[in-house]
Amino acid sequence: MPEQIVAFMPLIIVLVVFYFFIIRPQQKQRKQRMEMLDSLRKGDKIVTIGGIHGTLTDIKEDTIRLKVGDNVELKMSREAIGYKKE
């Protein structure tokens, strides 16, 4: 019986390492992104994943309106937000 446990130890170690180096950091990044998206307010300056800079004028459940120039607003998916400018 102990030999069977020893035989599975390398597999268990690989799974633990895989979790801490790949899965856990992705979960942390996903959580930070969701917090950033939830903290957005009208007037915040953002950059989209396509590189468009603008100011939020409207925020809904799945979409946003982004003012990119005088009399120019774009309707986009919330997932298109890359990051919030400070």
PDB file of N, CA and C in Angstrom:
ATOM      1  N   MET A   1       0.812  -1.205   0.000  1.00  0.00           N
ATOM      2  CA  MET A   1       0.000   0.000   0.000  1.00  0.00           C
ATOM      3  C   MET A   1       0.858   1.273   0.000  1.00  0.00           C
ATOM      4  N   PRO A   2       1.869   1.408   0.860  1.00  0.00           N
ATOM      5  CA  PRO A   2       2.685   2.623   0.835  1.00  0.00           C
ATOM      6  C   PRO A   2       3.402   2.817  -0.502  1.00  0.00           C
ATOM      7  N   GLU A   3       3.722   1.738  -1.204  1.00  0.00           N
ATOM      8  CA  GLU A   3       4.385   1.865  -2.501  1.00  0.00           C
ATOM      9  C   GLU A   3       3.461   2.516  -3.525  1.00  0.00           C
ATOM     10  N   GLN A   4       2.161   2.249  -3.416  1.00  0.00           N
ATOM     11  CA  GLN A   4       1.206   2.867  -4.333  1.00  0.00           C
ATOM     12  C   GLN A   4       1.122   4.378  -4.081  1.00  0.00           C
ATOM     13  N   ILE A   5       1.161   4.751  -2.829  1.00  0.00           N
ATOM     14  CA  ILE A   5       1.123   6.175  -2.488  1.00  0.00           C
ATOM     15  C   ILE A   5       2.375   6.872  -3.010  1.00  0.00           C
ATOM     16  N   VAL A   6       3.514   6.235  -2.823  1.00  0.00           N
ATOM     17  CA  VAL A   6       4.777   6.799  -3.305  1.00  0.00           C
ATOM     18  C   VAL A   6       4.758   6.924  -4.827  1.00  0.00           C
ATOM     19  N   ALA A   7       4.135   5.991  -5.510  1.00  0.00           N
ATOM     20  CA  ALA A   7       4.061   6.032  -6.969  1.00  0.00           C
ATOM     21  C   ALA A   7       3.229   7.222  -7.452  1.00  0.00           C
ATOM     22  N   PHE A   8       2.233   7.646  -6.675  1.00  0.00           N
ATOM     23  CA  PHE A   8       1.384   8.774  -7.056  1.00  0.00           C
ATOM     24  C   PHE A   8       1.936  10.123  -6.599  1.00  0.00           C
ATOM     25  N   MET A   9       2.950  10.137  -5.777  1.00  0.00           N
ATOM     26  CA  MET A   9       3.501  11.391  -5.258  1.00  0.00           C
ATOM     27  C   MET A   9       3.972  12.343  -6.363  1.00  0.00           C
ATOM     28  N   PRO A  10       4.700  11.894  -7.378  1.00  0.00           N
ATOM     29  CA  PRO A  10       5.097  12.850  -8.433  1.00  0.00           C
ATOM     30  C   PRO A  10       3.893  13.492  -9.129  1.00  0.00           C
ATOM     31  N   LEU A  11       2.846  12.720  -9.362  1.00  0.00           N
ATOM     32  CA  LEU A  11       1.641  13.265  -9.986  1.00  0.00           C
ATOM     33  C   LEU A  11       0.991  14.304  -9.076  1.00  0.00           C
ATOM     34  N   ILE A  12       0.904  14.004  -7.810  1.00  0.00           N
ATOM     35  CA  ILE A  12       0.309  14.933  -6.847  1.00  0.00           C
ATOM     36  C   ILE A  12       1.133  16.217  -6.778  1.00  0.00           C
ATOM     37  N   ILE A  13       2.443  16.082  -6.756  1.00  0.00           N
ATOM     38  CA  ILE A  13       3.315  17.260  -6.704  1.00  0.00           C
ATOM     39  C   ILE A  13       3.146  18.115  -7.958  1.00  0.00           C
ATOM     40  N   VAL A  14       3.063  17.486  -9.118  1.00  0.00           N
ATOM     41  CA  VAL A  14       2.866  18.226 -10.370  1.00  0.00           C
ATOM     42  C   VAL A  14       1.531  18.968 -10.343  1.00  0.00           C
ATOM     43  N   LEU A  15       0.477  18.341  -9.856  1.00  0.00           N
ATOM     44  CA  LEU A  15      -0.831  18.991  -9.783  1.00  0.00           C
ATOM     45  C   LEU A  15      -0.808  20.188  -8.839  1.00  0.00           C
ATOM     46  N   VAL A  16      -0.144  20.050  -7.711  1.00  0.00           N
ATOM     47  CA  VAL A  16      -0.049  21.155  -6.748  1.00  0.00           C
ATOM     48  C   VAL A  16       0.736  22.318  -7.359  1.00  0.00           C
ATOM     49  N   VAL A  17       1.849  22.016  -7.991  1.00  0.00           N
ATOM     50  CA  VAL A  17       2.653  23.062  -8.641  1.00  0.00           C
ATOM     51  C   VAL A  17       1.844  23.722  -9.753  1.00  0.00           C
ATOM     52  N   PHE A  18       1.142  22.945 -10.551  1.00  0.00           N
ATOM     53  CA  PHE A  18       0.294  23.461 -11.622  1.00  0.00           C
ATOM     54  C   PHE A  18      -0.740  24.429 -11.056  1.00  0.00           C
ATOM     55  N   TYR A  19      -1.359  24.065  -9.949  1.00  0.00           N
ATOM     56  CA  TYR A  19      -2.372  24.914  -9.328  1.00  0.00           C
ATOM     57  C   TYR A  19      -1.771  26.251  -8.904  1.00  0.00           C
ATOM     58  N   PHE A  20      -0.649  26.214  -8.196  1.00  0.00           N
ATOM     59  CA  PHE A  20      -0.085  27.444  -7.648  1.00  0.00           C
ATOM     60  C   PHE A  20       0.605  28.331  -8.683  1.00  0.00           C
ATOM     61  N   PHE A  21       1.068  27.781  -9.787  1.00  0.00           N
ATOM     62  CA  PHE A  21       1.748  28.596 -10.783  1.00  0.00           C
ATOM     63  C   PHE A  21       0.880  28.984 -11.968  1.00  0.00           C
ATOM     64  N   ILE A  22      -0.234  28.308 -12.183  1.00  0.00           N
ATOM     65  CA  ILE A  22      -1.069  28.620 -13.342  1.00  0.00           C
ATOM     66  C   ILE A  22      -2.495  28.991 -12.943  1.00  0.00           C
ATOM     67  N   ILE A  23      -3.177  28.131 -12.244  1.00  0.00           N
ATOM     68  CA  ILE A  23      -4.595  28.351 -11.947  1.00  0.00           C
ATOM     69  C   ILE A  23      -4.799  29.492 -10.961  1.00  0.00           C
ATOM     70  N   ARG A  24      -4.077  29.507  -9.875  1.00  0.00           N
ATOM     71  CA  ARG A  24      -4.244  30.528  -8.838  1.00  0.00           C
ATOM     72  C   ARG A  24      -3.982  31.942  -9.363  1.00  0.00           C
ATOM     73  N   PRO A  25      -2.890  32.191 -10.100  1.00  0.00           N
ATOM     74  CA  PRO A  25      -2.689  33.544 -10.636  1.00  0.00           C
ATOM     75  C   PRO A  25      -3.795  33.990 -11.598  1.00  0.00           C
ATOM     76  N   GLN A  26      -4.326  33.058 -12.395  1.00  0.00           N
ATOM     77  CA  GLN A  26      -5.421  33.413 -13.301  1.00  0.00           C
ATOM     78  C   GLN A  26      -6.665  33.811 -12.521  1.00  0.00           C
ATOM     79  N   GLN A  27      -6.958  33.086 -11.443  1.00  0.00           N
ATOM     80  CA  GLN A  27      -8.108  33.426 -10.614  1.00  0.00           C
ATOM     81  C   GLN A  27      -7.930  34.811  -9.999  1.00  0.00           C
ATOM     82  N   LYS A  28      -6.717  35.118  -9.570  1.00  0.00           N
ATOM     83  CA  LYS A  28      -6.430  36.414  -8.963  1.00  0.00           C
ATOM     84  C   LYS A  28      -6.599  37.536  -9.985  1.00  0.00           C
ATOM     85  N   GLN A  29      -6.097  37.342 -11.205  1.00  0.00           N
ATOM     86  CA  GLN A  29      -6.246  38.342 -12.265  1.00  0.00           C
ATOM     87  C   GLN A  29      -7.714  38.542 -12.626  1.00  0.00           C
ATOM     88  N   ARG A  30      -8.464  37.458 -12.710  1.00  0.00           N
ATOM     89  CA  ARG A  30      -9.893  37.545 -13.035  1.00  0.00           C
ATOM     90  C   ARG A  30     -10.637  38.334 -11.965  1.00  0.00           C
ATOM     91  N   LYS A  31     -10.299  38.098 -10.700  1.00  0.00           N
ATOM     92  CA  LYS A  31     -10.937  38.808  -9.595  1.00  0.00           C
ATOM     93  C   LYS A  31     -10.600  40.301  -9.653  1.00  0.00           C
ATOM     94  N   GLN A  32      -9.342  40.646  -9.908  1.00  0.00           N
ATOM     95  CA  GLN A  32      -8.941  42.051 -10.008  1.00  0.00           C
ATOM     96  C   GLN A  32      -9.652  42.740 -11.169  1.00  0.00           C
ATOM     97  N   ARG A  33      -9.792  42.053 -12.292  1.00  0.00           N
ATOM     98  CA  ARG A  33     -10.474  42.634 -13.447  1.00  0.00           C
ATOM     99  C   ARG A  33     -11.947  42.892 -13.140  1.00  0.00           C
ATOM    100  N   MET A  34     -12.597  41.929 -12.489  1.00  0.00           N
ATOM    101  CA  MET A  34     -14.010  42.105 -12.140  1.00  0.00           C
ATOM    102  C   MET A  34     -14.180  43.272 -11.168  1.00  0.00           C
ATOM    103  N   GLU A  35     -13.266  43.420 -10.205  1.00  0.00           N
ATOM    104  CA  GLU A  35     -13.325  44.542  -9.272  1.00  0.00           C
ATOM    105  C   GLU A  35     -13.148  45.867 -10.011  1.00  0.00           C
ATOM    106  N   MET A  36     -12.237  45.908 -10.989  1.00  0.00           N
ATOM    107  CA  MET A  36     -12.025  47.123 -11.772  1.00  0.00           C
ATOM    108  C   MET A  36     -13.279  47.462 -12.570  1.00  0.00           C
ATOM    109  N   LEU A  37     -13.885  46.470 -13.215  1.00  0.00           N
ATOM    110  CA  LEU A  37     -15.096  46.718 -14.001  1.00  0.00           C
ATOM    111  C   LEU A  37     -16.250  47.173 -13.114  1.00  0.00           C
ATOM    112  N   ASP A  38     -16.368  46.601 -11.919  1.00  0.00           N
ATOM    113  CA  ASP A  38     -17.444  46.982 -11.005  1.00  0.00           C
ATOM    114  C   ASP A  38     -17.243  48.378 -10.421  1.00  0.00           C
ATOM    115  N   SER A  39     -15.997  48.852 -10.366  1.00  0.00           N
ATOM    116  CA  SER A  39     -15.718  50.157  -9.761  1.00  0.00           C
ATOM    117  C   SER A  39     -15.848  51.311 -10.754  1.00  0.00           C
ATOM    118  N   LEU A  40     -16.093  51.027 -12.026  1.00  0.00           N
ATOM    119  CA  LEU A  40     -16.180  52.089 -13.028  1.00  0.00           C
ATOM    120  C   LEU A  40     -17.409  52.967 -12.808  1.00  0.00           C
ATOM    121  N   ARG A  41     -17.224  54.273 -13.002  1.00  0.00           N
ATOM    122  CA  ARG A  41     -18.299  55.249 -12.852  1.00  0.00           C
ATOM    123  C   ARG A  41     -18.278  56.193 -14.054  1.00  0.00           C
ATOM    124  N   LYS A  42     -19.389  56.892 -14.262  1.00  0.00           N
ATOM    125  CA  LYS A  42     -19.448  57.894 -15.327  1.00  0.00           C
ATOM    126  C   LYS A  42     -18.349  58.920 -15.088  1.00  0.00           C
ATOM    127  N   GLY A  43     -17.700  59.313 -16.166  1.00  0.00           N
ATOM    128  CA  GLY A  43     -16.631  60.298 -16.066  1.00  0.00           C
ATOM    129  C   GLY A  43     -15.247  59.693 -15.957  1.00  0.00           C
ATOM    130  N   ASP A  44     -15.162  58.388 -15.688  1.00  0.00           N
ATOM    131  CA  ASP A  44     -13.853  57.728 -15.614  1.00  0.00           C
ATOM    132  C   ASP A  44     -13.225  57.682 -16.996  1.00  0.00           C
ATOM    133  N   LYS A  45     -11.927  57.874 -17.033  1.00  0.00           N
ATOM    134  CA  LYS A  45     -11.185  57.772 -18.290  1.00  0.00           C
ATOM    135  C   LYS A  45     -10.648  56.352 -18.409  1.00  0.00           C
ATOM    136  N   ILE A  46     -10.880  55.740 -19.581  1.00  0.00           N
ATOM    137  CA  ILE A  46     -10.461  54.356 -19.801  1.00  0.00           C
ATOM    138  C   ILE A  46      -9.759  54.209 -21.143  1.00  0.00           C
ATOM    139  N   VAL A  47      -9.131  53.060 -21.307  1.00  0.00           N
ATOM    140  CA  VAL A  47      -8.544  52.664 -22.583  1.00  0.00           C
ATOM    141  C   VAL A  47      -9.120  51.290 -22.905  1.00  0.00           C
ATOM    142  N   THR A  48      -9.604  51.121 -24.131  1.00  0.00           N
ATOM    143  CA  THR A  48     -10.175  49.832 -24.521  1.00  0.00           C
ATOM    144  C   THR A  48      -9.062  48.868 -24.919  1.00  0.00           C
ATOM    145  N   ILE A  49      -9.431  47.605 -25.091  1.00  0.00           N
ATOM    146  CA  ILE A  49      -8.440  46.614 -25.504  1.00  0.00           C
ATOM    147  C   ILE A  49      -7.954  46.880 -26.925  1.00  0.00           C
ATOM    148  N   GLY A  50      -8.686  47.696 -27.663  1.00  0.00           N
ATOM    149  CA  GLY A  50      -8.272  48.077 -29.012  1.00  0.00           C
ATOM    150  C   GLY A  50      -7.442  49.351 -29.044  1.00  0.00           C
ATOM    151  N   GLY A  51      -7.225  49.967 -27.869  1.00  0.00           N
ATOM    152  CA  GLY A  51      -6.394  51.158 -27.788  1.00  0.00           C
ATOM    153  C   GLY A  51      -7.138  52.474 -27.898  1.00  0.00           C
ATOM    154  N   ILE A  52      -8.458  52.455 -27.850  1.00  0.00           N
ATOM    155  CA  ILE A  52      -9.246  53.683 -27.937  1.00  0.00           C
ATOM    156  C   ILE A  52      -9.319  54.319 -26.551  1.00  0.00           C
ATOM    157  N   HIS A  53      -8.963  55.612 -26.477  1.00  0.00           N
ATOM    158  CA  HIS A  53      -9.010  56.359 -25.225  1.00  0.00           C
ATOM    159  C   HIS A  53     -10.300  57.164 -25.198  1.00  0.00           C
ATOM    160  N   GLY A  54     -10.944  57.215 -24.027  1.00  0.00           N
ATOM    161  CA  GLY A  54     -12.161  57.990 -23.928  1.00  0.00           C
ATOM    162  C   GLY A  54     -12.657  58.097 -22.506  1.00  0.00           C
ATOM    163  N   THR A  55     -13.809  58.754 -22.371  1.00  0.00           N
ATOM    164  CA  THR A  55     -14.441  58.981 -21.076  1.00  0.00           C
ATOM    165  C   THR A  55     -15.797  58.292 -21.060  1.00  0.00           C
ATOM    166  N   LEU A  56     -16.084  57.574 -19.985  1.00  0.00           N
ATOM    167  CA  LEU A  56     -17.365  56.875 -19.863  1.00  0.00           C
ATOM    168  C   LEU A  56     -18.495  57.879 -19.681  1.00  0.00           C
ATOM    169  N   THR A  57     -19.548  57.735 -20.474  1.00  0.00           N
ATOM    170  CA  THR A  57     -20.714  58.597 -20.328  1.00  0.00           C
ATOM    171  C   THR A  57     -21.941  57.819 -19.870  1.00  0.00           C
ATOM    172  N   ASP A  58     -21.932  56.506 -20.051  1.00  0.00           N
ATOM    173  CA  ASP A  58     -23.059  55.675 -19.622  1.00  0.00           C
ATOM    174  C   ASP A  58     -22.555  54.257 -19.392  1.00  0.00           C
ATOM    175  N   ILE A  59     -23.036  53.643 -18.319  1.00  0.00           N
ATOM    176  CA  ILE A  59     -22.631  52.273 -17.995  1.00  0.00           C
ATOM    177  C   ILE A  59     -23.887  51.456 -17.741  1.00  0.00           C
ATOM    178  N   LYS A  60     -24.017  50.363 -18.466  1.00  0.00           N
ATOM    179  CA  LYS A  60     -25.131  49.438 -18.262  1.00  0.00           C
ATOM    180  C   LYS A  60     -24.575  48.070 -17.922  1.00  0.00           C
ATOM    181  N   GLU A  61     -25.449  47.105 -17.785  1.00  0.00           N
ATOM    182  CA  GLU A  61     -25.043  45.742 -17.400  1.00  0.00           C
ATOM    183  C   GLU A  61     -23.987  45.162 -18.334  1.00  0.00           C
ATOM    184  N   ASP A  62     -24.238  45.238 -19.640  1.00  0.00           N
ATOM    185  CA  ASP A  62     -23.333  44.621 -20.612  1.00  0.00           C
ATOM    186  C   ASP A  62     -22.636  45.610 -21.537  1.00  0.00           C
ATOM    187  N   THR A  63     -23.090  46.863 -21.554  1.00  0.00           N
ATOM    188  CA  THR A  63     -22.536  47.827 -22.504  1.00  0.00           C
ATOM    189  C   THR A  63     -22.116  49.118 -21.805  1.00  0.00           C
ATOM    190  N   ILE A  64     -21.300  49.881 -22.516  1.00  0.00           N
ATOM    191  CA  ILE A  64     -20.885  51.201 -22.053  1.00  0.00           C
ATOM    192  C   ILE A  64     -20.991  52.167 -23.224  1.00  0.00           C
ATOM    193  N   ARG A  65     -21.028  53.456 -22.920  1.00  0.00           N
ATOM    194  CA  ARG A  65     -20.907  54.495 -23.941  1.00  0.00           C
ATOM    195  C   ARG A  65     -19.632  55.254 -23.612  1.00  0.00           C
ATOM    196  N   LEU A  66     -18.812  55.405 -24.638  1.00  0.00           N
ATOM    197  CA  LEU A  66     -17.499  56.005 -24.473  1.00  0.00           C
ATOM    198  C   LEU A  66     -17.401  57.254 -25.340  1.00  0.00           C
ATOM    199  N   LYS A  67     -17.154  58.402 -24.697  1.00  0.00           N
ATOM    200  CA  LYS A  67     -16.971  59.651 -25.447  1.00  0.00           C
ATOM    201  C   LYS A  67     -15.511  59.725 -25.871  1.00  0.00           C
ATOM    202  N   VAL A  68     -15.293  59.774 -27.185  1.00  0.00           N
ATOM    203  CA  VAL A  68     -13.931  59.786 -27.713  1.00  0.00           C
ATOM    204  C   VAL A  68     -13.581  61.113 -28.388  1.00  0.00           C
ATOM    205  N   GLY A  69     -14.536  61.999 -28.506  1.00  0.00           N
ATOM    206  CA  GLY A  69     -14.299  63.302 -29.121  1.00  0.00           C
ATOM    207  C   GLY A  69     -15.551  64.147 -29.009  1.00  0.00           C
ATOM    208  N   ASP A  70     -15.478  65.380 -29.524  1.00  0.00           N
ATOM    209  CA  ASP A  70     -16.655  66.242 -29.510  1.00  0.00           C
ATOM    210  C   ASP A  70     -17.753  65.606 -30.354  1.00  0.00           C
ATOM    211  N   ASN A  71     -18.910  65.396 -29.746  1.00  0.00           N
ATOM    212  CA  ASN A  71     -20.076  64.807 -30.412  1.00  0.00           C
ATOM    213  C   ASN A  71     -19.811  63.418 -30.981  1.00  0.00           C
ATOM    214  N   VAL A  72     -18.864  62.691 -30.411  1.00  0.00           N
ATOM    215  CA  VAL A  72     -18.568  61.331 -30.876  1.00  0.00           C
ATOM    216  C   VAL A  72     -18.615  60.383 -29.681  1.00  0.00           C
ATOM    217  N   GLU A  73     -19.606  59.502 -29.675  1.00  0.00           N
ATOM    218  CA  GLU A  73     -19.724  58.488 -28.629  1.00  0.00           C
ATOM    219  C   GLU A  73     -19.799  57.116 -29.279  1.00  0.00           C
ATOM    220  N   LEU A  74     -19.159  56.155 -28.648  1.00  0.00           N
ATOM    221  CA  LEU A  74     -19.175  54.780 -29.137  1.00  0.00           C
ATOM    222  C   LEU A  74     -19.866  53.896 -28.109  1.00  0.00           C
ATOM    223  N   LYS A  75     -20.710  53.003 -28.591  1.00  0.00           N
ATOM    224  CA  LYS A  75     -21.332  52.011 -27.725  1.00  0.00           C
ATOM    225  C   LYS A  75     -20.503  50.741 -27.831  1.00  0.00           C
ATOM    226  N   MET A  76     -20.057  50.228 -26.682  1.00  0.00           N
ATOM    227  CA  MET A  76     -19.172  49.062 -26.669  1.00  0.00           C
ATOM    228  C   MET A  76     -19.595  48.080 -25.587  1.00  0.00           C
ATOM    229  N   SER A  77     -19.080  46.883 -25.711  1.00  0.00           N
ATOM    230  CA  SER A  77     -19.252  45.872 -24.674  1.00  0.00           C
ATOM    231  C   SER A  77     -18.367  46.234 -23.488  1.00  0.00           C
ATOM    232  N   ARG A  78     -18.816  45.928 -22.286  1.00  0.00           N
ATOM    233  CA  ARG A  78     -17.986  46.175 -21.090  1.00  0.00           C
ATOM    234  C   ARG A  78     -16.696  45.372 -21.142  1.00  0.00           C
ATOM    235  N   GLU A  79     -16.741  44.236 -21.822  1.00  0.00           N
ATOM    236  CA  GLU A  79     -15.551  43.388 -21.932  1.00  0.00           C
ATOM    237  C   GLU A  79     -14.463  44.037 -22.782  1.00  0.00           C
ATOM    238  N   ALA A  80     -14.807  45.100 -23.524  1.00  0.00           N
ATOM    239  CA  ALA A  80     -13.827  45.786 -24.363  1.00  0.00           C
ATOM    240  C   ALA A  80     -12.931  46.729 -23.564  1.00  0.00           C
ATOM    241  N   ILE A  81     -13.251  46.938 -22.289  1.00  0.00           N
ATOM    242  CA  ILE A  81     -12.441  47.831 -21.461  1.00  0.00           C
ATOM    243  C   ILE A  81     -11.123  47.151 -21.129  1.00  0.00           C
ATOM    244  N   GLY A  82     -10.037  47.832 -21.457  1.00  0.00           N
ATOM    245  CA  GLY A  82      -8.710  47.303 -21.159  1.00  0.00           C
ATOM    246  C   GLY A  82      -8.283  47.660 -19.750  1.00  0.00           C
ATOM    247  N   TYR A  83      -8.276  48.970 -19.459  1.00  0.00           N
ATOM    248  CA  TYR A  83      -7.912  49.417 -18.118  1.00  0.00           C
ATOM    249  C   TYR A  83      -8.412  50.838 -17.886  1.00  0.00           C
ATOM    250  N   LYS A  84      -8.431  51.206 -16.626  1.00  0.00           N
ATOM    251  CA  LYS A  84      -8.867  52.527 -16.204  1.00  0.00           C
ATOM    252  C   LYS A  84      -7.633  53.402 -16.040  1.00  0.00           C
ATOM    253  N   LYS A  85      -7.679  54.603 -16.636  1.00  0.00           N
ATOM    254  CA  LYS A  85      -6.569  55.544 -16.491  1.00  0.00           C
ATOM    255  C   LYS A  85      -6.707  56.258 -15.149  1.00  0.00           C
ATOM    256  N   GLU A  86      -5.611  56.458 -14.504  1.00  0.00           N
ATOM    257  CA  GLU A  86      -5.634  57.122 -13.182  1.00  0.00           C
ATOM    258  C   GLU A  86      -5.558  58.606 -13.292  1.00  0.00           C
TER     259      GLU A  86
END
